[in-house]
Amino acid sequence: MPGTHILILGGTAEARQLAAELTELTEPTELTGLTGLTGLGGFRVTTSLAGRVSQPRLPAGEVRIGGFGGPEGLARWLREQSVDAVVDATHPFAAAISAGAAYAAAAVGVPLCALRRPGWSAGPGDCWYPAASLADAAAQLPALGRRIFLTTGRLGLAAFADLGQLRFLVRSVEPPEPPLP
């Protein structure tokens, strides 16, 4: 079994790519961003998925599905599994697990690295309307148009449910449940 155990908090394409690349390494390699960690003949990689998708695309390496029982549960799991480092490669909206990972990694004394995709940036010709929350975005929509492409995921749809005068195209991995826009 390789000497360095990496836990990837996944659910993104970047997490799957990282898991694939780490499981393929066979030579000692320094991990950028996780100072001092070198895979001795490769890495043991465990990717944790939240379990919100019924048929997830599974990454390379070991896979764990479901919650940890909060930050304390994650800290306990890190100790029990002798995890050497944590990579937070969750979705940008997964603030709770990111905060819990920071707490757990600090409590156990293992390095934590956040792998984030670049955010969208305004370009020439763009017209952006900032919103502080999903409820704020929903409140702005009636003044902006009648046809909406909504990419909040199925868990954010309730904020738009009262906007019956608008038409929505919803991007969601799983079929959404009511209340729907």
Protein backbone atom coordinates (compact mmCIF):
# COMPACT_ATOMS: atom_id res chain seq x y z
CA MET A 1 0.00 0.00 0.00
CA PRO A 2 1.46 3.42 -0.92
CA GLY A 3 2.77 5.50 1.95
CA THR A 4 0.75 8.71 1.55
CA HIS A 5 -3.04 8.61 2.00
CA ILE A 6 -4.85 11.51 0.31
CA LEU A 7 -8.53 12.21 0.92
CA ILE A 8 -10.18 14.10 -1.93
CA LEU A 9 -13.48 15.72 -1.10
CA GLY A 10 -14.95 15.36 -4.56
CA GLY A 11 -17.96 15.69 -6.75
CA THR A 12 -16.34 17.74 -9.50
CA ALA A 13 -14.59 16.90 -12.75
CA GLU A 14 -11.42 18.35 -11.24
CA ALA A 15 -11.65 15.91 -8.33
CA ARG A 16 -12.00 12.94 -10.72
CA GLN A 17 -9.03 14.16 -12.76
CA LEU A 18 -6.88 14.59 -9.63
CA ALA A 19 -7.82 11.12 -8.36
CA ALA A 20 -6.91 9.59 -11.73
CA GLU A 21 -3.56 11.37 -11.86
CA LEU A 22 -2.61 10.55 -8.26
CA THR A 23 -3.52 6.86 -8.58
CA GLU A 24 -1.34 6.57 -11.69
CA LEU A 25 1.79 7.94 -10.00
CA THR A 26 4.40 5.30 -9.25
CA GLU A 27 7.47 7.47 -8.60
CA PRO A 28 8.05 9.71 -5.56
CA THR A 29 6.38 13.04 -6.33
CA GLU A 30 6.13 16.31 -4.43
CA LEU A 31 2.56 17.61 -4.22
CA THR A 32 2.39 21.32 -5.01
CA GLY A 33 0.33 23.08 -2.36
CA LEU A 34 0.81 20.30 0.19
CA THR A 35 4.34 21.12 1.29
CA GLY A 36 6.40 18.20 2.47
CA LEU A 37 4.13 15.47 1.14
CA THR A 38 5.80 13.09 -1.23
CA GLY A 39 4.13 9.95 -2.51
CA LEU A 40 6.46 7.06 -1.78
CA GLY A 41 5.86 4.82 -4.76
CA GLY A 42 2.43 6.34 -5.32
CA PHE A 43 -0.53 7.45 -3.31
CA ARG A 44 -3.47 5.80 -1.64
CA VAL A 45 -6.35 7.95 -2.87
CA THR A 46 -9.81 8.00 -1.32
CA THR A 47 -12.44 10.25 -2.86
CA SER A 48 -15.46 11.16 -0.77
CA LEU A 49 -18.74 11.92 -2.55
CA ALA A 50 -21.68 13.49 -0.72
CA GLY A 51 -24.17 10.95 -2.05
CA ARG A 52 -26.60 13.49 -3.54
CA VAL A 53 -26.49 11.85 -6.99
CA SER A 54 -27.94 8.36 -7.41
CA GLN A 55 -25.47 7.22 -10.08
CA PRO A 56 -22.29 9.28 -9.74
CA ARG A 57 -19.34 9.01 -12.09
CA LEU A 58 -16.89 7.21 -9.85
CA PRO A 59 -13.28 8.39 -9.71
CA ALA A 60 -10.18 6.20 -9.70
CA GLY A 61 -9.01 4.85 -6.37
CA GLU A 62 -11.13 4.17 -3.31
CA VAL A 63 -14.54 5.82 -3.06
CA ARG A 64 -16.51 6.73 0.03
CA ILE A 65 -20.14 7.90 -0.34
CA GLY A 66 -22.10 9.80 2.31
CA GLY A 67 -21.50 12.31 5.06
CA PHE A 68 -19.03 12.05 7.90
CA GLY A 69 -21.33 13.29 10.67
CA GLY A 70 -20.09 16.86 10.70
CA PRO A 71 -16.60 18.28 11.20
CA GLU A 72 -15.93 16.13 14.29
CA GLY A 73 -16.91 13.00 12.36
CA LEU A 74 -14.59 13.97 9.52
CA ALA A 75 -11.74 14.56 11.99
CA ARG A 76 -12.38 11.13 13.52
CA TRP A 77 -12.39 9.53 10.03
CA LEU A 78 -9.10 11.26 9.13
CA ARG A 79 -7.48 9.82 12.27
CA GLU A 80 -8.96 6.33 11.85
CA GLN A 81 -7.91 6.10 8.20
CA SER A 82 -4.44 7.62 8.76
CA VAL A 83 -5.02 10.34 6.19
CA ASP A 84 -1.90 12.39 5.43
CA ALA A 85 -3.56 15.24 3.51
CA VAL A 86 -6.97 16.49 2.41
CA VAL A 87 -7.81 18.08 -0.93
CA ASP A 88 -11.07 20.02 -0.98
CA ALA A 89 -12.20 19.70 -4.61
CA THR A 90 -15.89 20.21 -3.92
CA HIS A 91 -18.32 22.37 -5.86
CA PRO A 92 -18.10 26.11 -5.24
CA PHE A 93 -21.51 26.05 -3.48
CA ALA A 94 -20.42 23.38 -0.97
CA ALA A 95 -19.47 25.91 1.71
CA ALA A 96 -20.46 23.71 4.66
CA ILE A 97 -18.16 20.79 3.76
CA SER A 98 -15.32 23.19 2.95
CA ALA A 99 -15.65 24.82 6.38
CA GLY A 100 -15.91 21.40 8.01
CA ALA A 101 -12.83 20.18 6.14
CA ALA A 102 -10.83 23.20 7.32
CA TYR A 103 -11.88 22.52 10.92
CA ALA A 104 -11.18 18.77 10.73
CA ALA A 105 -7.80 19.09 9.01
CA ALA A 106 -6.66 21.64 11.59
CA ALA A 107 -7.94 19.49 14.46
CA VAL A 108 -6.04 16.44 13.21
CA GLY A 109 -2.99 18.38 12.02
CA VAL A 110 -3.04 17.34 8.37
CA PRO A 111 -2.49 19.74 5.48
CA LEU A 112 -5.50 20.92 3.51
CA CYS A 113 -5.41 22.17 -0.06
CA ALA A 114 -8.41 23.66 -1.88
CA LEU A 115 -8.66 22.90 -5.59
CA ARG A 116 -10.98 25.46 -7.16
CA ARG A 117 -11.99 26.01 -10.76
CA PRO A 118 -11.68 29.60 -11.90
CA GLY A 119 -14.79 31.68 -11.32
CA TRP A 120 -16.63 33.26 -14.19
CA SER A 121 -15.35 36.66 -15.14
CA ALA A 122 -17.24 39.36 -16.97
CA GLY A 123 -16.14 39.77 -20.58
CA PRO A 124 -16.80 42.29 -23.31
CA GLY A 125 -20.51 42.65 -23.98
CA ASP A 126 -21.55 40.85 -20.79
CA CYS A 127 -24.28 42.27 -18.61
CA TRP A 128 -24.08 40.96 -15.03
CA TYR A 129 -26.61 41.39 -12.22
CA PRO A 130 -25.03 40.50 -8.88
CA ALA A 131 -27.22 38.75 -6.31
CA ALA A 132 -26.43 38.15 -2.64
CA SER A 133 -28.48 34.94 -2.46
CA LEU A 134 -30.83 32.72 -4.44
CA ALA A 135 -33.78 34.64 -2.99
CA ASP A 136 -32.20 37.90 -4.17
CA ALA A 137 -31.65 36.45 -7.66
CA ALA A 138 -35.29 35.27 -7.76
CA ALA A 139 -36.49 38.74 -6.80
CA GLN A 140 -34.52 40.32 -9.67
CA LEU A 141 -35.63 37.94 -12.44
CA PRO A 142 -39.09 39.32 -13.33
CA ALA A 143 -37.52 42.64 -14.34
CA LEU A 144 -34.83 40.97 -16.46
CA GLY A 145 -36.69 38.63 -18.80
CA ARG A 146 -39.24 35.85 -19.21
CA ARG A 147 -37.07 32.86 -20.17
CA ILE A 148 -34.51 31.74 -17.61
CA PHE A 149 -31.70 29.17 -17.83
CA LEU A 150 -31.25 28.13 -14.20
CA THR A 151 -28.10 26.28 -13.13
CA THR A 152 -28.40 26.32 -9.33
CA GLY A 153 -28.85 22.56 -9.15
CA ARG A 154 -31.99 20.89 -7.87
CA LEU A 155 -31.49 21.91 -4.24
CA GLY A 156 -31.74 25.62 -5.05
CA LEU A 157 -34.97 25.51 -7.06
CA ALA A 158 -37.39 26.29 -4.22
CA ALA A 159 -36.23 29.94 -4.20
CA PHE A 160 -37.71 30.32 -7.71
CA ALA A 161 -40.95 28.36 -7.17
CA ASP A 162 -43.21 31.42 -6.90
CA LEU A 163 -42.17 32.81 -10.30
CA GLY A 164 -44.95 31.16 -12.32
CA GLN A 165 -44.98 33.98 -14.87
CA LEU A 166 -41.49 33.01 -16.06
CA ARG A 167 -40.32 29.98 -18.11
CA PHE A 168 -37.36 28.03 -16.77
CA LEU A 169 -34.92 25.63 -18.34
CA VAL A 170 -33.31 23.92 -15.34
CA ARG A 171 -29.91 22.23 -15.48
CA SER A 172 -29.83 19.39 -12.95
CA VAL A 173 -28.01 16.06 -12.73
CA GLU A 174 -30.96 14.41 -10.96
CA PRO A 175 -34.66 15.01 -11.62
CA PRO A 176 -35.79 17.83 -9.33
CA GLU A 177 -38.58 17.51 -6.79
CA PRO A 178 -41.18 20.17 -5.97
CA PRO A 179 -41.44 22.98 -5.28
CA LEU A 180 -40.37 23.91 -8.81
CA PRO A 181 -40.39 27.17 -10.71
